[in-house]
Amino acid sequence: MHIVSTRLLKEGKCKSCGCLQRTKYRGMNNIAGKRFGRLTAEYPLDRRDKKGSIYWHCKCDCGNEIDVTEDGLVHGNYKSCGCFKKEIIWKNIPNQLHFIDGTCLEILEKRKHRADNKSGFRGVYRQKNGKYLVTIGFKGKKYYIATTKTLEDAIRERLNAEQIIHDGFVAAYHEWMHEMQNVPEDERIPLIFDVEKVNGEFVVHTNIKNKSGS
């Protein structure tokens, strides 16, 4: 007598009392229940790869399930459903990016037009009255730029602000890195690049030479 849950029967994961599985194991390695990294082999499938290696249905520690060949498991080519690789990538991302006061240098350098608002241009939003609101974000703050009648004027205002703030910040960072390249890290002077709006104009305050600001 063999007791099986209704779920396993419906999913087709249990087709006999165990005799069918024992028959399948004849002529092959029985790796059922064995762990390979984060994967646990559960049962063999009725298919093989081009080299004749049988596929095993495996469960990952993260809860996902995946079908992997026996060779892939035994030789260590598969140690997870893919979650481990993703974790490594995400752990390394902070080391590959440069953040200053919460601002990512690489994002500013490679920014592209965005289509997640009605205007189709980053920082430009069409209002109900037909006019365009223009803003720009920097160091976690959002700055009001202008309100224009046309999209062309809005884009022009936004690009001008980007040149002053975003492009200015990127240029200041590279100049700062050039000045500090031979200075020990614990002796480096922090980069200062702050923005404020005075009488409707953006003013930059920085400690980098040959940069606009005070």
C-alpha atoms as a PDB file:
ATOM      1  CA  MET A   1       0.000   0.000   0.000  1.00  0.00           C
ATOM      2  CA  HIS A   2       1.288   3.457  -0.963  1.00  0.00           C
ATOM      3  CA  ILE A   3      -0.278   6.728   0.259  1.00  0.00           C
ATOM      4  CA  VAL A   4      -0.022   9.645  -2.170  1.00  0.00           C
ATOM      5  CA  SER A   5      -1.386  13.185  -1.986  1.00  0.00           C
ATOM      6  CA  THR A   6      -3.993  14.320  -4.503  1.00  0.00           C
ATOM      7  CA  ARG A   7      -1.689  17.136  -5.654  1.00  0.00           C
ATOM      8  CA  LEU A   8       1.095  14.745  -6.700  1.00  0.00           C
ATOM      9  CA  LEU A   9      -1.403  12.587  -8.594  1.00  0.00           C
ATOM     10  CA  LYS A  10      -2.872  15.570 -10.456  1.00  0.00           C
ATOM     11  CA  GLU A  11       0.566  16.922 -11.318  1.00  0.00           C
ATOM     12  CA  GLY A  12       1.658  13.514 -12.557  1.00  0.00           C
ATOM     13  CA  LYS A  13       4.600  13.372 -10.198  1.00  0.00           C
ATOM     14  CA  CYS A  14       3.556  10.022  -8.776  1.00  0.00           C
ATOM     15  CA  LYS A  15       2.533   7.299 -11.227  1.00  0.00           C
ATOM     16  CA  SER A  16       3.107   4.148  -9.191  1.00  0.00           C
ATOM     17  CA  CYS A  17       3.881   2.808  -5.746  1.00  0.00           C
ATOM     18  CA  GLY A  18       7.535   3.181  -6.570  1.00  0.00           C
ATOM     19  CA  CYS A  19       8.036   0.192  -8.820  1.00  0.00           C
ATOM     20  CA  LEU A  20       7.990   2.323 -11.958  1.00  0.00           C
ATOM     21  CA  GLN A  21      10.645   4.585 -10.556  1.00  0.00           C
ATOM     22  CA  ARG A  22      12.784   1.610  -9.566  1.00  0.00           C
ATOM     23  CA  THR A  23      12.431   0.305 -13.111  1.00  0.00           C
ATOM     24  CA  LYS A  24      13.566   3.659 -14.470  1.00  0.00           C
ATOM     25  CA  TYR A  25      16.645   3.556 -12.294  1.00  0.00           C
ATOM     26  CA  ARG A  26      17.834   0.350 -13.922  1.00  0.00           C
ATOM     27  CA  GLY A  27      20.862   1.135 -16.046  1.00  0.00           C
ATOM     28  CA  MET A  28      21.290   4.624 -14.601  1.00  0.00           C
ATOM     29  CA  ASN A  29      22.658   6.262 -11.490  1.00  0.00           C
ATOM     30  CA  ASN A  30      20.052   6.754  -8.807  1.00  0.00           C
ATOM     31  CA  ILE A  31      20.689  10.315  -7.650  1.00  0.00           C
ATOM     32  CA  ALA A  32      17.193  10.892  -6.242  1.00  0.00           C
ATOM     33  CA  GLY A  33      17.422  12.880  -3.029  1.00  0.00           C
ATOM     34  CA  LYS A  34      21.024  13.906  -3.588  1.00  0.00           C
ATOM     35  CA  ARG A  35      22.039  17.559  -3.379  1.00  0.00           C
ATOM     36  CA  PHE A  36      24.080  19.381  -5.974  1.00  0.00           C
ATOM     37  CA  GLY A  37      24.758  22.850  -4.654  1.00  0.00           C
ATOM     38  CA  ARG A  38      21.309  24.309  -4.057  1.00  0.00           C
ATOM     39  CA  LEU A  39      19.567  21.692  -6.208  1.00  0.00           C
ATOM     40  CA  THR A  40      18.045  18.455  -4.950  1.00  0.00           C
ATOM     41  CA  ALA A  41      17.354  15.763  -7.566  1.00  0.00           C
ATOM     42  CA  GLU A  42      13.780  14.500  -7.187  1.00  0.00           C
ATOM     43  CA  TYR A  43      12.968  12.114 -10.044  1.00  0.00           C
ATOM     44  CA  PRO A  44      14.140  11.258 -13.593  1.00  0.00           C
ATOM     45  CA  LEU A  45      12.253  12.304 -16.718  1.00  0.00           C
ATOM     46  CA  ASP A  46      11.577  10.394 -19.923  1.00  0.00           C
ATOM     47  CA  ARG A  47      14.018  12.425 -21.999  1.00  0.00           C
ATOM     48  CA  ARG A  48      17.728  12.650 -22.587  1.00  0.00           C
ATOM     49  CA  ASP A  49      20.070  15.169 -24.154  1.00  0.00           C
ATOM     50  CA  LYS A  50      22.069  14.593 -27.349  1.00  0.00           C
ATOM     51  CA  LYS A  51      24.783  12.803 -25.376  1.00  0.00           C
ATOM     52  CA  GLY A  52      22.293  10.432 -23.779  1.00  0.00           C
ATOM     53  CA  SER A  53      22.339  11.995 -20.309  1.00  0.00           C
ATOM     54  CA  ILE A  54      18.947  11.734 -18.633  1.00  0.00           C
ATOM     55  CA  TYR A  55      17.119  14.780 -17.323  1.00  0.00           C
ATOM     56  CA  TRP A  56      16.242  15.008 -13.643  1.00  0.00           C
ATOM     57  CA  HIS A  57      13.550  17.166 -12.147  1.00  0.00           C
ATOM     58  CA  CYS A  58      15.192  19.158  -9.371  1.00  0.00           C
ATOM     59  CA  LYS A  59      14.041  21.521  -6.661  1.00  0.00           C
ATOM     60  CA  CYS A  60      16.121  24.527  -5.700  1.00  0.00           C
ATOM     61  CA  ASP A  61      16.538  25.799  -2.152  1.00  0.00           C
ATOM     62  CA  CYS A  62      14.826  29.030  -3.228  1.00  0.00           C
ATOM     63  CA  GLY A  63      11.665  27.065  -4.094  1.00  0.00           C
ATOM     64  CA  ASN A  64      11.964  27.085  -7.875  1.00  0.00           C
ATOM     65  CA  GLU A  65      12.004  23.864  -9.887  1.00  0.00           C
ATOM     66  CA  ILE A  66      14.163  23.065 -12.898  1.00  0.00           C
ATOM     67  CA  ASP A  67      14.984  20.112 -15.170  1.00  0.00           C
ATOM     68  CA  VAL A  68      18.719  19.421 -15.477  1.00  0.00           C
ATOM     69  CA  THR A  69      20.710  16.599 -17.040  1.00  0.00           C
ATOM     70  CA  GLU A  70      22.511  14.150 -14.783  1.00  0.00           C
ATOM     71  CA  ASP A  71      25.815  15.138 -16.363  1.00  0.00           C
ATOM     72  CA  GLY A  72      25.105  18.793 -15.635  1.00  0.00           C
ATOM     73  CA  LEU A  73      24.492  17.997 -11.982  1.00  0.00           C
ATOM     74  CA  VAL A  74      27.335  15.551 -11.442  1.00  0.00           C
ATOM     75  CA  HIS A  75      29.923  17.700 -13.220  1.00  0.00           C
ATOM     76  CA  GLY A  76      28.886  20.809 -11.291  1.00  0.00           C
ATOM     77  CA  ASN A  77      27.597  22.769 -14.283  1.00  0.00           C
ATOM     78  CA  TYR A  78      24.324  23.423 -12.465  1.00  0.00           C
ATOM     79  CA  LYS A  79      24.256  24.299  -8.772  1.00  0.00           C
ATOM     80  CA  SER A  80      21.028  26.297  -8.641  1.00  0.00           C
ATOM     81  CA  CYS A  81      18.025  27.267 -10.752  1.00  0.00           C
ATOM     82  CA  GLY A  82      19.886  30.451 -11.641  1.00  0.00           C
ATOM     83  CA  CYS A  83      19.191  32.301  -8.394  1.00  0.00           C
ATOM     84  CA  PHE A  84      22.790  32.009  -7.200  1.00  0.00           C
ATOM     85  CA  LYS A  85      24.139  33.721 -10.330  1.00  0.00           C
ATOM     86  CA  LYS A  86      21.603  36.518  -9.968  1.00  0.00           C
ATOM     87  CA  GLU A  87      22.626  37.039  -6.351  1.00  0.00           C
ATOM     88  CA  ILE A  88      26.282  37.330  -7.351  1.00  0.00           C
ATOM     89  CA  ILE A  89      25.417  39.870 -10.058  1.00  0.00           C
ATOM     90  CA  TRP A  90      23.335  41.999  -7.689  1.00  0.00           C
ATOM     91  CA  LYS A  91      26.011  41.861  -4.999  1.00  0.00           C
ATOM     92  CA  ASN A  92      28.618  43.116  -7.452  1.00  0.00           C
ATOM     93  CA  ILE A  93      26.515  45.935  -8.911  1.00  0.00           C
ATOM     94  CA  PRO A  94      27.290  48.377  -6.044  1.00  0.00           C
ATOM     95  CA  ASN A  95      30.997  47.763  -6.623  1.00  0.00           C
ATOM     96  CA  GLN A  96      30.655  48.536 -10.324  1.00  0.00           C
ATOM     97  CA  LEU A  97      28.757  51.802  -9.886  1.00  0.00           C
ATOM     98  CA  HIS A  98      29.855  55.075  -8.362  1.00  0.00           C
ATOM     99  CA  PHE A  99      27.402  56.797  -6.031  1.00  0.00           C
ATOM    100  CA  ILE A 100      27.961  60.274  -4.638  1.00  0.00           C
ATOM    101  CA  ASP A 101      25.356  61.562  -2.213  1.00  0.00           C
ATOM    102  CA  GLY A 102      22.928  59.014  -3.641  1.00  0.00           C
ATOM    103  CA  THR A 103      23.576  60.063  -7.251  1.00  0.00           C
ATOM    104  CA  CYS A 104      24.809  57.396  -9.679  1.00  0.00           C
ATOM    105  CA  LEU A 105      27.477  58.693 -12.033  1.00  0.00           C
ATOM    106  CA  GLU A 106      26.939  55.959 -14.643  1.00  0.00           C
ATOM    107  CA  ILE A 107      23.209  56.650 -14.910  1.00  0.00           C
ATOM    108  CA  LEU A 108      23.852  60.322 -15.607  1.00  0.00           C
ATOM    109  CA  GLU A 109      26.507  59.472 -18.196  1.00  0.00           C
ATOM    110  CA  LYS A 110      24.284  57.009 -20.061  1.00  0.00           C
ATOM    111  CA  ARG A 111      20.876  58.578 -19.536  1.00  0.00           C
ATOM    112  CA  LYS A 112      18.411  58.234 -22.402  1.00  0.00           C
ATOM    113  CA  HIS A 113      15.061  59.734 -23.274  1.00  0.00           C
ATOM    114  CA  ARG A 114      12.284  58.181 -21.253  1.00  0.00           C
ATOM    115  CA  ALA A 115       8.776  57.364 -22.409  1.00  0.00           C
ATOM    116  CA  ASP A 116       7.185  56.791 -19.014  1.00  0.00           C
ATOM    117  CA  ASN A 117       5.289  60.079 -19.079  1.00  0.00           C
ATOM    118  CA  LYS A 118       2.874  61.685 -21.521  1.00  0.00           C
ATOM    119  CA  SER A 119       5.481  63.900 -23.170  1.00  0.00           C
ATOM    120  CA  GLY A 120       7.908  61.056 -23.912  1.00  0.00           C
ATOM    121  CA  PHE A 121      10.841  63.102 -22.590  1.00  0.00           C
ATOM    122  CA  ARG A 122      12.451  62.758 -19.183  1.00  0.00           C
ATOM    123  CA  GLY A 123      11.436  65.394 -16.649  1.00  0.00           C
ATOM    124  CA  VAL A 124       8.791  66.902 -18.942  1.00  0.00           C
ATOM    125  CA  TYR A 125       5.141  66.415 -18.014  1.00  0.00           C
ATOM    126  CA  ARG A 126       2.106  67.629 -19.898  1.00  0.00           C
ATOM    127  CA  GLN A 127      -0.507  69.161 -17.631  1.00  0.00           C
ATOM    128  CA  LYS A 128      -4.271  69.154 -17.985  1.00  0.00           C
ATOM    129  CA  ASN A 129      -4.228  72.754 -19.216  1.00  0.00           C
ATOM    130  CA  GLY A 130      -1.974  71.750 -22.113  1.00  0.00           C
ATOM    131  CA  LYS A 131       1.165  73.362 -20.742  1.00  0.00           C
ATOM    132  CA  TYR A 132       4.358  71.480 -19.905  1.00  0.00           C
ATOM    133  CA  LEU A 133       5.890  71.218 -16.459  1.00  0.00           C
ATOM    134  CA  VAL A 134       9.672  70.796 -16.499  1.00  0.00           C
ATOM    135  CA  THR A 135      11.644  69.382 -13.556  1.00  0.00           C
ATOM    136  CA  ILE A 136      15.021  67.794 -12.897  1.00  0.00           C
ATOM    137  CA  GLY A 137      16.233  65.440 -10.187  1.00  0.00           C
ATOM    138  CA  PHE A 138      19.621  65.578  -8.508  1.00  0.00           C
ATOM    139  CA  LYS A 139      20.928  64.023  -5.262  1.00  0.00           C
ATOM    140  CA  GLY A 140      17.485  62.841  -4.248  1.00  0.00           C
ATOM    141  CA  LYS A 141      15.837  66.231  -4.767  1.00  0.00           C
ATOM    142  CA  LYS A 142      13.492  67.395  -7.499  1.00  0.00           C
ATOM    143  CA  TYR A 143      13.955  70.932  -8.804  1.00  0.00           C
ATOM    144  CA  TYR A 144      11.346  72.965 -10.664  1.00  0.00           C
ATOM    145  CA  ILE A 145      12.729  74.318 -13.936  1.00  0.00           C
ATOM    146  CA  ALA A 146       9.878  75.992 -15.760  1.00  0.00           C
ATOM    147  CA  THR A 147       6.365  75.769 -17.194  1.00  0.00           C
ATOM    148  CA  THR A 148       6.187  76.185 -20.980  1.00  0.00           C
ATOM    149  CA  LYS A 149       3.513  76.380 -23.627  1.00  0.00           C
ATOM    150  CA  THR A 150       5.198  74.061 -26.127  1.00  0.00           C
ATOM    151  CA  LEU A 151       6.998  70.732 -25.906  1.00  0.00           C
ATOM    152  CA  GLU A 152       9.955  72.146 -27.821  1.00  0.00           C
ATOM    153  CA  ASP A 153      10.467  74.902 -25.249  1.00  0.00           C
ATOM    154  CA  ALA A 154      10.083  72.370 -22.419  1.00  0.00           C
ATOM    155  CA  ILE A 155      12.757  70.099 -23.888  1.00  0.00           C
ATOM    156  CA  ARG A 156      15.069  73.056 -24.404  1.00  0.00           C
ATOM    157  CA  GLU A 157      14.671  74.117 -20.774  1.00  0.00           C
ATOM    158  CA  ARG A 158      15.294  70.565 -19.589  1.00  0.00           C
ATOM    159  CA  LEU A 159      18.439  70.124 -21.709  1.00  0.00           C
ATOM    160  CA  ASN A 160      19.833  73.442 -20.474  1.00  0.00           C
ATOM    161  CA  ALA A 161      19.316  72.331 -16.875  1.00  0.00           C
ATOM    162  CA  GLU A 162      20.931  68.948 -17.615  1.00  0.00           C
ATOM    163  CA  GLN A 163      23.972  70.686 -19.046  1.00  0.00           C
ATOM    164  CA  ILE A 164      24.397  72.786 -15.912  1.00  0.00           C
ATOM    165  CA  ILE A 165      23.596  70.123 -13.316  1.00  0.00           C
ATOM    166  CA  HIS A 166      24.076  66.605 -14.695  1.00  0.00           C
ATOM    167  CA  ASP A 167      26.839  67.261 -17.209  1.00  0.00           C
ATOM    168  CA  GLY A 168      28.495  69.660 -14.781  1.00  0.00           C
ATOM    169  CA  PHE A 169      28.456  67.026 -12.054  1.00  0.00           C
ATOM    170  CA  VAL A 170      29.938  64.328 -14.317  1.00  0.00           C
ATOM    171  CA  ALA A 171      32.701  66.675 -15.489  1.00  0.00           C
ATOM    172  CA  ALA A 172      33.425  67.742 -11.901  1.00  0.00           C
ATOM    173  CA  TYR A 173      33.622  64.120 -10.779  1.00  0.00           C
ATOM    174  CA  HIS A 174      36.155  63.171 -13.450  1.00  0.00           C
ATOM    175  CA  GLU A 175      38.204  66.290 -12.692  1.00  0.00           C
ATOM    176  CA  TRP A 176      38.088  65.429  -8.987  1.00  0.00           C
ATOM    177  CA  MET A 177      39.225  61.852  -9.723  1.00  0.00           C
ATOM    178  CA  HIS A 178      42.098  63.225 -11.803  1.00  0.00           C
ATOM    179  CA  GLU A 179      43.191  65.528  -8.979  1.00  0.00           C
ATOM    180  CA  MET A 180      42.898  62.791  -6.333  1.00  0.00           C
ATOM    181  CA  GLN A 181      44.389  59.866  -8.281  1.00  0.00           C
ATOM    182  CA  ASN A 182      47.713  60.069  -6.430  1.00  0.00           C
ATOM    183  CA  VAL A 183      46.221  60.984  -3.069  1.00  0.00           C
ATOM    184  CA  PRO A 184      45.665  58.162  -0.514  1.00  0.00           C
ATOM    185  CA  GLU A 185      41.968  57.363  -0.215  1.00  0.00           C
ATOM    186  CA  ASP A 186      41.809  58.287   3.474  1.00  0.00           C
ATOM    187  CA  GLU A 187      43.346  61.701   2.694  1.00  0.00           C
ATOM    188  CA  ARG A 188      41.146  62.647  -0.249  1.00  0.00           C
ATOM    189  CA  ILE A 189      39.080  65.818  -0.025  1.00  0.00           C
ATOM    190  CA  PRO A 190      35.385  65.007  -0.634  1.00  0.00           C
ATOM    191  CA  LEU A 191      33.861  66.222  -3.886  1.00  0.00           C
ATOM    192  CA  ILE A 192      31.492  69.120  -3.341  1.00  0.00           C
ATOM    193  CA  PHE A 193      28.900  69.767  -6.024  1.00  0.00           C
ATOM    194  CA  ASP A 194      25.712  71.318  -4.711  1.00  0.00           C
ATOM    195  CA  VAL A 195      22.902  73.059  -6.550  1.00  0.00           C
ATOM    196  CA  GLU A 196      20.480  75.789  -5.555  1.00  0.00           C
ATOM    197  CA  LYS A 197      18.095  77.982  -7.460  1.00  0.00           C
ATOM    198  CA  VAL A 198      18.633  81.735  -7.107  1.00  0.00           C
ATOM    199  CA  ASN A 199      16.310  84.233  -8.825  1.00  0.00           C
ATOM    200  CA  GLY A 200      15.093  81.521 -11.187  1.00  0.00           C
ATOM    201  CA  GLU A 201      18.602  80.395 -12.181  1.00  0.00           C
ATOM    202  CA  PHE A 202      20.546  77.317 -11.126  1.00  0.00           C
ATOM    203  CA  VAL A 203      23.736  78.057  -9.225  1.00  0.00           C
ATOM    204  CA  VAL A 204      26.368  75.387  -8.658  1.00  0.00           C
ATOM    205  CA  HIS A 205      28.672  75.377  -5.645  1.00  0.00           C
ATOM    206  CA  THR A 206      31.747  73.174  -6.090  1.00  0.00           C
ATOM    207  CA  ASN A 207      35.297  72.846  -4.839  1.00  0.00           C
ATOM    208  CA  ILE A 208      36.585  71.775  -8.272  1.00  0.00           C
ATOM    209  CA  LYS A 209      38.738  74.284 -10.157  1.00  0.00           C
ATOM    210  CA  ASN A 210      37.628  75.682 -13.511  1.00  0.00           C
ATOM    211  CA  LYS A 211      33.983  74.810 -12.792  1.00  0.00           C
ATOM    212  CA  SER A 212      31.189  77.335 -12.651  1.00  0.00           C
ATOM    213  CA  GLY A 213      29.966  78.004  -9.138  1.00  0.00           C
ATOM    214  CA  SER A 214      31.016  79.720  -5.955  1.00  0.00           C
END
